[in-house]
Amino acid sequence: MDCDMSLDHIIERCLARGINCIAIADHGTIEGAIEMQSRAPFPVIVAEEILTPHGEIMGMFLQETIPSGRSVEKTIAEIRAQDGLVCIPHPFDNFRPSALGGKILAEIMEQVDIVEVFNSRAFLHRHSTQAKNLALKYGIPGSAGSDAHTPYEIGNAYVEMPEFNGKDEFLQSLARGRVVGRRSNPLVHFNSLAQSLKSHFK
């Protein structure tokens, strides 16, 4: 996790913004999401951004951390083994080396449940358009992510959708949802870099 927000601060910010359900997707671990699930007064989806040699894949509704560094195929298989959902975060964003795209993305789309069609930290509008077109092409739901690394980014993007119980209802509700969002100030990337450097030199 490349931010230093406390769980209590995240909860406080969510309540202030009227957010009544969140997905926590740290990089390479579900520990924070599990702890948040036990403390938050609203539903928390346990997720993880898993780095493969070709880019990141998000597993949702997980019970255990999936190690990074494994192949795309192995990562998807491990998500499925936990009865989780496969989501592609910020596809086509060529400003991020971790963004999945190109040939490998086309090869796995039949195994994908969700495409993030709006990410507040994406620089270019065309990246969101490409992601939305991909979701439409394969007839799968689109999600939105604040990708929040700081408190004031929480709620920059969200989906207005019916309440749900469990992953199957989540997918059905997401398909009926409405994506809402705005782009974060590009300066937030400098904050993330500073936090990464701070962690590296601890």
C-alpha atoms as a PDB file:
ATOM      1  CA  MET A   1       0.000   0.000   0.000  1.00  0.00           C
ATOM      2  CA  ASP A   2       1.628   3.270  -1.105  1.00  0.00           C
ATOM      3  CA  CYS A   3      -0.266   5.635   1.147  1.00  0.00           C
ATOM      4  CA  ASP A   4      -0.280   6.347   4.848  1.00  0.00           C
ATOM      5  CA  MET A   5      -4.010   6.752   5.532  1.00  0.00           C
ATOM      6  CA  SER A   6      -5.239   5.111   8.711  1.00  0.00           C
ATOM      7  CA  LEU A   7      -8.293   2.877   8.479  1.00  0.00           C
ATOM      8  CA  ASP A   8     -10.190   5.184  10.811  1.00  0.00           C
ATOM      9  CA  HIS A   9      -9.396   8.131   8.551  1.00  0.00           C
ATOM     10  CA  ILE A  10     -10.653   6.206   5.520  1.00  0.00           C
ATOM     11  CA  ILE A  11     -13.886   5.291   7.311  1.00  0.00           C
ATOM     12  CA  GLU A  12     -14.392   8.883   8.425  1.00  0.00           C
ATOM     13  CA  ARG A  13     -13.877  10.176   4.897  1.00  0.00           C
ATOM     14  CA  CYS A  14     -16.252   7.587   3.399  1.00  0.00           C
ATOM     15  CA  LEU A  15     -18.994   8.505   5.852  1.00  0.00           C
ATOM     16  CA  ALA A  16     -18.477  12.198   5.122  1.00  0.00           C
ATOM     17  CA  ARG A  17     -18.826  11.541   1.379  1.00  0.00           C
ATOM     18  CA  GLY A  18     -21.906   9.317   1.791  1.00  0.00           C
ATOM     19  CA  ILE A  19     -20.103   6.191   0.602  1.00  0.00           C
ATOM     20  CA  ASN A  20     -21.821   3.075   1.928  1.00  0.00           C
ATOM     21  CA  CYS A  21     -19.686   0.324   0.363  1.00  0.00           C
ATOM     22  CA  ILE A  22     -16.048   0.212  -0.704  1.00  0.00           C
ATOM     23  CA  ALA A  23     -13.581  -2.182  -2.290  1.00  0.00           C
ATOM     24  CA  ILE A  24     -10.105  -2.084  -0.748  1.00  0.00           C
ATOM     25  CA  ALA A  25      -7.490  -3.241  -3.248  1.00  0.00           C
ATOM     26  CA  ASP A  26      -3.985  -2.819  -1.916  1.00  0.00           C
ATOM     27  CA  HIS A  27      -0.989  -3.887  -3.966  1.00  0.00           C
ATOM     28  CA  GLY A  28       0.076  -7.433  -3.134  1.00  0.00           C
ATOM     29  CA  THR A  29      -1.904  -7.978   0.077  1.00  0.00           C
ATOM     30  CA  ILE A  30      -5.424  -8.241   1.463  1.00  0.00           C
ATOM     31  CA  GLU A  31      -4.442  -7.655   5.100  1.00  0.00           C
ATOM     32  CA  GLY A  32      -5.654  -4.046   5.182  1.00  0.00           C
ATOM     33  CA  ALA A  33      -8.925  -4.963   3.483  1.00  0.00           C
ATOM     34  CA  ILE A  34      -9.564  -7.780   5.963  1.00  0.00           C
ATOM     35  CA  GLU A  35      -8.964  -5.440   8.888  1.00  0.00           C
ATOM     36  CA  MET A  36     -11.157  -2.765   7.325  1.00  0.00           C
ATOM     37  CA  GLN A  37     -13.919  -5.331   6.847  1.00  0.00           C
ATOM     38  CA  SER A  38     -13.943  -6.002  10.583  1.00  0.00           C
ATOM     39  CA  ARG A  39     -14.032  -2.307  11.517  1.00  0.00           C
ATOM     40  CA  ALA A  40     -16.085  -0.424   8.941  1.00  0.00           C
ATOM     41  CA  PRO A  41     -19.783   0.275   9.578  1.00  0.00           C
ATOM     42  CA  PHE A  42     -20.512  -0.497   5.924  1.00  0.00           C
ATOM     43  CA  PRO A  43     -19.771  -3.424   3.559  1.00  0.00           C
ATOM     44  CA  VAL A  44     -16.154  -3.831   2.454  1.00  0.00           C
ATOM     45  CA  ILE A  45     -15.152  -5.906  -0.572  1.00  0.00           C
ATOM     46  CA  VAL A  46     -11.800  -7.569  -0.009  1.00  0.00           C
ATOM     47  CA  ALA A  47      -9.726  -7.114  -3.141  1.00  0.00           C
ATOM     48  CA  GLU A  48      -6.094  -7.051  -4.242  1.00  0.00           C
ATOM     49  CA  GLU A  49      -4.120  -5.664  -7.155  1.00  0.00           C
ATOM     50  CA  ILE A  50      -1.822  -8.480  -8.203  1.00  0.00           C
ATOM     51  CA  LEU A  51       1.172  -7.704 -10.402  1.00  0.00           C
ATOM     52  CA  THR A  52       1.862 -10.232 -13.152  1.00  0.00           C
ATOM     53  CA  PRO A  53       4.698 -10.083 -15.704  1.00  0.00           C
ATOM     54  CA  HIS A  54       2.227  -8.438 -18.117  1.00  0.00           C
ATOM     55  CA  GLY A  55       0.526  -6.011 -15.741  1.00  0.00           C
ATOM     56  CA  GLU A  56      -1.943  -5.843 -12.876  1.00  0.00           C
ATOM     57  CA  ILE A  57      -5.052  -7.933 -12.348  1.00  0.00           C
ATOM     58  CA  MET A  58      -7.487  -7.269  -9.530  1.00  0.00           C
ATOM     59  CA  GLY A  59      -9.043 -10.112  -7.604  1.00  0.00           C
ATOM     60  CA  MET A  60     -12.261  -9.282  -5.746  1.00  0.00           C
ATOM     61  CA  PHE A  61     -14.068 -11.136  -2.958  1.00  0.00           C
ATOM     62  CA  LEU A  62     -10.839 -12.824  -1.894  1.00  0.00           C
ATOM     63  CA  GLN A  63     -10.058 -14.757   1.283  1.00  0.00           C
ATOM     64  CA  GLU A  64      -6.276 -15.017   0.926  1.00  0.00           C
ATOM     65  CA  THR A  65      -3.477 -12.901  -0.528  1.00  0.00           C
ATOM     66  CA  ILE A  66      -2.332 -13.979  -3.988  1.00  0.00           C
ATOM     67  CA  PRO A  67       1.419 -13.505  -4.505  1.00  0.00           C
ATOM     68  CA  SER A  68       2.584 -11.172  -7.239  1.00  0.00           C
ATOM     69  CA  GLY A  69       4.956 -12.281  -9.991  1.00  0.00           C
ATOM     70  CA  ARG A  70       2.968 -15.246 -11.245  1.00  0.00           C
ATOM     71  CA  SER A  71       1.696 -15.573 -14.797  1.00  0.00           C
ATOM     72  CA  VAL A  72      -1.591 -14.023 -15.883  1.00  0.00           C
ATOM     73  CA  GLU A  73      -3.106 -17.482 -16.290  1.00  0.00           C
ATOM     74  CA  LYS A  74      -1.946 -18.665 -12.858  1.00  0.00           C
ATOM     75  CA  THR A  75      -3.183 -15.472 -11.213  1.00  0.00           C
ATOM     76  CA  ILE A  76      -6.642 -15.817 -12.753  1.00  0.00           C
ATOM     77  CA  ALA A  77      -6.737 -19.479 -11.703  1.00  0.00           C
ATOM     78  CA  GLU A  78      -5.917 -18.508  -8.106  1.00  0.00           C
ATOM     79  CA  ILE A  79      -8.666 -15.884  -8.064  1.00  0.00           C
ATOM     80  CA  ARG A  80     -11.124 -18.480  -9.354  1.00  0.00           C
ATOM     81  CA  ALA A  81      -9.937 -20.994  -6.749  1.00  0.00           C
ATOM     82  CA  GLN A  82     -11.094 -18.540  -4.083  1.00  0.00           C
ATOM     83  CA  ASP A  83     -14.425 -18.089  -5.897  1.00  0.00           C
ATOM     84  CA  GLY A  84     -13.401 -14.497  -6.561  1.00  0.00           C
ATOM     85  CA  LEU A  85     -14.039 -12.114  -9.438  1.00  0.00           C
ATOM     86  CA  VAL A  86     -11.465 -11.080 -12.033  1.00  0.00           C
ATOM     87  CA  CYS A  87     -11.276  -7.341 -12.686  1.00  0.00           C
ATOM     88  CA  ILE A  88      -8.939  -5.462 -15.007  1.00  0.00           C
ATOM     89  CA  PRO A  89      -7.929  -2.150 -13.389  1.00  0.00           C
ATOM     90  CA  HIS A  90      -7.003   0.908 -15.467  1.00  0.00           C
ATOM     91  CA  PRO A  91      -6.465  -0.952 -18.781  1.00  0.00           C
ATOM     92  CA  PHE A  92      -4.767   0.834 -21.698  1.00  0.00           C
ATOM     93  CA  ASP A  93      -3.239   3.478 -19.409  1.00  0.00           C
ATOM     94  CA  ASN A  94       0.187   3.601 -21.040  1.00  0.00           C
ATOM     95  CA  PHE A  95       1.407   6.069 -18.431  1.00  0.00           C
ATOM     96  CA  ARG A  96       1.416   3.124 -16.012  1.00  0.00           C
ATOM     97  CA  PRO A  97       3.821   0.259 -16.676  1.00  0.00           C
ATOM     98  CA  SER A  98       1.454  -1.920 -14.613  1.00  0.00           C
ATOM     99  CA  ALA A  99      -1.544  -1.441 -16.926  1.00  0.00           C
ATOM    100  CA  LEU A 100      -2.667  -4.545 -18.768  1.00  0.00           C
ATOM    101  CA  GLY A 101      -3.351  -4.134 -22.454  1.00  0.00           C
ATOM    102  CA  GLY A 102      -2.613  -5.318 -25.945  1.00  0.00           C
ATOM    103  CA  LYS A 103      -2.548  -8.935 -27.041  1.00  0.00           C
ATOM    104  CA  ILE A 104      -2.541 -10.478 -23.564  1.00  0.00           C
ATOM    105  CA  LEU A 105      -5.685  -8.564 -22.603  1.00  0.00           C
ATOM    106  CA  ALA A 106      -7.507  -9.782 -25.698  1.00  0.00           C
ATOM    107  CA  GLU A 107      -6.460 -13.348 -24.918  1.00  0.00           C
ATOM    108  CA  ILE A 108      -7.953 -13.374 -21.413  1.00  0.00           C
ATOM    109  CA  MET A 109     -11.141 -11.356 -21.866  1.00  0.00           C
ATOM    110  CA  GLU A 110     -13.359 -14.442 -21.860  1.00  0.00           C
ATOM    111  CA  GLN A 111     -12.179 -15.025 -18.273  1.00  0.00           C
ATOM    112  CA  VAL A 112     -12.725 -11.426 -17.092  1.00  0.00           C
ATOM    113  CA  ASP A 113     -15.753 -10.469 -14.989  1.00  0.00           C
ATOM    114  CA  ILE A 114     -15.294  -6.694 -14.700  1.00  0.00           C
ATOM    115  CA  VAL A 115     -13.418  -3.909 -16.489  1.00  0.00           C
ATOM    116  CA  GLU A 116     -12.596  -0.681 -14.695  1.00  0.00           C
ATOM    117  CA  VAL A 117     -13.976   1.819 -17.178  1.00  0.00           C
ATOM    118  CA  PHE A 118     -13.113   4.924 -15.171  1.00  0.00           C
ATOM    119  CA  ASN A 119     -10.088   5.525 -12.963  1.00  0.00           C
ATOM    120  CA  SER A 120      -9.674   8.934 -11.363  1.00  0.00           C
ATOM    121  CA  ARG A 121      -5.901   8.807 -11.705  1.00  0.00           C
ATOM    122  CA  ALA A 122      -5.926   8.126 -15.449  1.00  0.00           C
ATOM    123  CA  PHE A 123      -4.405  11.041 -17.339  1.00  0.00           C
ATOM    124  CA  LEU A 124      -6.226  10.775 -20.660  1.00  0.00           C
ATOM    125  CA  HIS A 125      -9.940  10.555 -21.410  1.00  0.00           C
ATOM    126  CA  ARG A 126      -9.260   8.133 -24.264  1.00  0.00           C
ATOM    127  CA  HIS A 127      -8.053   5.492 -21.802  1.00  0.00           C
ATOM    128  CA  SER A 128     -11.503   5.488 -20.193  1.00  0.00           C
ATOM    129  CA  THR A 129     -13.162   5.387 -23.614  1.00  0.00           C
ATOM    130  CA  GLN A 130     -11.063   2.385 -24.643  1.00  0.00           C
ATOM    131  CA  ALA A 131     -11.897   0.591 -21.402  1.00  0.00           C
ATOM    132  CA  LYS A 132     -15.618   1.302 -21.777  1.00  0.00           C
ATOM    133  CA  ASN A 133     -15.599   0.041 -25.360  1.00  0.00           C
ATOM    134  CA  LEU A 134     -13.827  -3.129 -24.223  1.00  0.00           C
ATOM    135  CA  ALA A 135     -16.482  -3.809 -21.581  1.00  0.00           C
ATOM    136  CA  LEU A 136     -19.254  -3.194 -24.101  1.00  0.00           C
ATOM    137  CA  LYS A 137     -17.613  -5.462 -26.675  1.00  0.00           C
ATOM    138  CA  TYR A 138     -17.561  -8.392 -24.264  1.00  0.00           C
ATOM    139  CA  GLY A 139     -20.835  -7.557 -22.527  1.00  0.00           C
ATOM    140  CA  ILE A 140     -19.353  -7.344 -19.041  1.00  0.00           C
ATOM    141  CA  PRO A 141     -19.963  -4.760 -16.294  1.00  0.00           C
ATOM    142  CA  GLY A 142     -17.814  -1.665 -15.941  1.00  0.00           C
ATOM    143  CA  SER A 143     -16.560  -0.374 -12.613  1.00  0.00           C
ATOM    144  CA  ALA A 144     -15.029   2.868 -11.397  1.00  0.00           C
ATOM    145  CA  GLY A 145     -12.155   3.456  -9.023  1.00  0.00           C
ATOM    146  CA  SER A 146     -10.909   6.494  -7.148  1.00  0.00           C
ATOM    147  CA  ASP A 147      -7.532   4.745  -6.855  1.00  0.00           C
ATOM    148  CA  ALA A 148      -7.292   6.872  -3.722  1.00  0.00           C
ATOM    149  CA  HIS A 149      -3.883   7.187  -2.093  1.00  0.00           C
ATOM    150  CA  THR A 150      -4.883  10.267  -0.094  1.00  0.00           C
ATOM    151  CA  PRO A 151      -8.056  11.102   1.877  1.00  0.00           C
ATOM    152  CA  TYR A 152      -9.255  13.841  -0.453  1.00  0.00           C
ATOM    153  CA  GLU A 153      -9.231  11.413  -3.409  1.00  0.00           C
ATOM    154  CA  ILE A 154     -11.755   9.071  -1.776  1.00  0.00           C
ATOM    155  CA  GLY A 155     -15.032   9.295  -3.660  1.00  0.00           C
ATOM    156  CA  ASN A 156     -13.589  10.847  -6.811  1.00  0.00           C
ATOM    157  CA  ALA A 157     -15.084   7.898  -8.664  1.00  0.00           C
ATOM    158  CA  TYR A 158     -17.851   5.509  -7.723  1.00  0.00           C
ATOM    159  CA  VAL A 159     -20.753   3.480  -9.071  1.00  0.00           C
ATOM    160  CA  GLU A 160     -24.346   4.191  -8.097  1.00  0.00           C
ATOM    161  CA  MET A 161     -25.868   0.707  -7.973  1.00  0.00           C
ATOM    162  CA  PRO A 162     -28.541  -1.311  -6.148  1.00  0.00           C
ATOM    163  CA  GLU A 163     -27.613  -2.936  -2.864  1.00  0.00           C
ATOM    164  CA  PHE A 164     -26.312  -6.486  -3.114  1.00  0.00           C
ATOM    165  CA  ASN A 165     -25.465  -9.531  -1.037  1.00  0.00           C
ATOM    166  CA  GLY A 166     -22.455 -11.531  -2.195  1.00  0.00           C
ATOM    167  CA  LYS A 167     -20.464 -11.586  -5.398  1.00  0.00           C
ATOM    168  CA  ASP A 168     -23.188 -12.878  -7.715  1.00  0.00           C
ATOM    169  CA  GLU A 169     -25.608 -10.133  -6.724  1.00  0.00           C
ATOM    170  CA  PHE A 170     -22.717  -7.674  -6.892  1.00  0.00           C
ATOM    171  CA  LEU A 171     -22.178  -8.460 -10.574  1.00  0.00           C
ATOM    172  CA  GLN A 172     -25.882  -8.120 -11.302  1.00  0.00           C
ATOM    173  CA  SER A 173     -26.075  -4.801  -9.465  1.00  0.00           C
ATOM    174  CA  LEU A 174     -22.908  -3.514 -11.104  1.00  0.00           C
ATOM    175  CA  ALA A 175     -24.383  -4.226 -14.529  1.00  0.00           C
ATOM    176  CA  ARG A 176     -27.300  -1.946 -13.579  1.00  0.00           C
ATOM    177  CA  GLY A 177     -25.079   0.718 -12.072  1.00  0.00           C
ATOM    178  CA  ARG A 178     -24.125   4.206 -13.181  1.00  0.00           C
ATOM    179  CA  VAL A 179     -20.479   5.242 -13.214  1.00  0.00           C
ATOM    180  CA  VAL A 180     -19.816   8.664 -11.703  1.00  0.00           C
ATOM    181  CA  GLY A 181     -16.446  10.293 -11.429  1.00  0.00           C
ATOM    182  CA  ARG A 182     -13.970  13.079 -11.925  1.00  0.00           C
ATOM    183  CA  ARG A 183     -10.260  13.050 -12.517  1.00  0.00           C
ATOM    184  CA  SER A 184      -7.889  13.645  -9.656  1.00  0.00           C
ATOM    185  CA  ASN A 185      -5.454  16.521  -9.783  1.00  0.00           C
ATOM    186  CA  PRO A 186      -2.324  15.209 -11.567  1.00  0.00           C
ATOM    187  CA  LEU A 187      -0.248  16.454  -8.629  1.00  0.00           C
ATOM    188  CA  VAL A 188      -1.499  13.477  -6.582  1.00  0.00           C
ATOM    189  CA  HIS A 189       1.074  11.358  -8.419  1.00  0.00           C
ATOM    190  CA  PHE A 190       3.874  13.350  -6.810  1.00  0.00           C
ATOM    191  CA  ASN A 191       2.403  12.588  -3.394  1.00  0.00           C
ATOM    192  CA  SER A 192       2.368   8.867  -4.217  1.00  0.00           C
ATOM    193  CA  LEU A 193       5.991   9.046  -5.359  1.00  0.00           C
ATOM    194  CA  ALA A 194       6.954  10.768  -2.130  1.00  0.00           C
ATOM    195  CA  GLN A 195       5.199   8.078  -0.080  1.00  0.00           C
ATOM    196  CA  SER A 196       6.915   5.311  -2.057  1.00  0.00           C
ATOM    197  CA  LEU A 197      10.328   6.892  -1.500  1.00  0.00           C
ATOM    198  CA  LYS A 198       9.545   7.369   2.180  1.00  0.00           C
ATOM    199  CA  SER A 199       8.659   3.680   2.523  1.00  0.00           C
ATOM    200  CA  HIS A 200      11.731   2.622   0.551  1.00  0.00           C
ATOM    201  CA  PHE A 201      14.136   4.482   2.829  1.00  0.00           C
ATOM    202  CA  LYS A 202      12.528   3.473   6.134  1.00  0.00           C
END
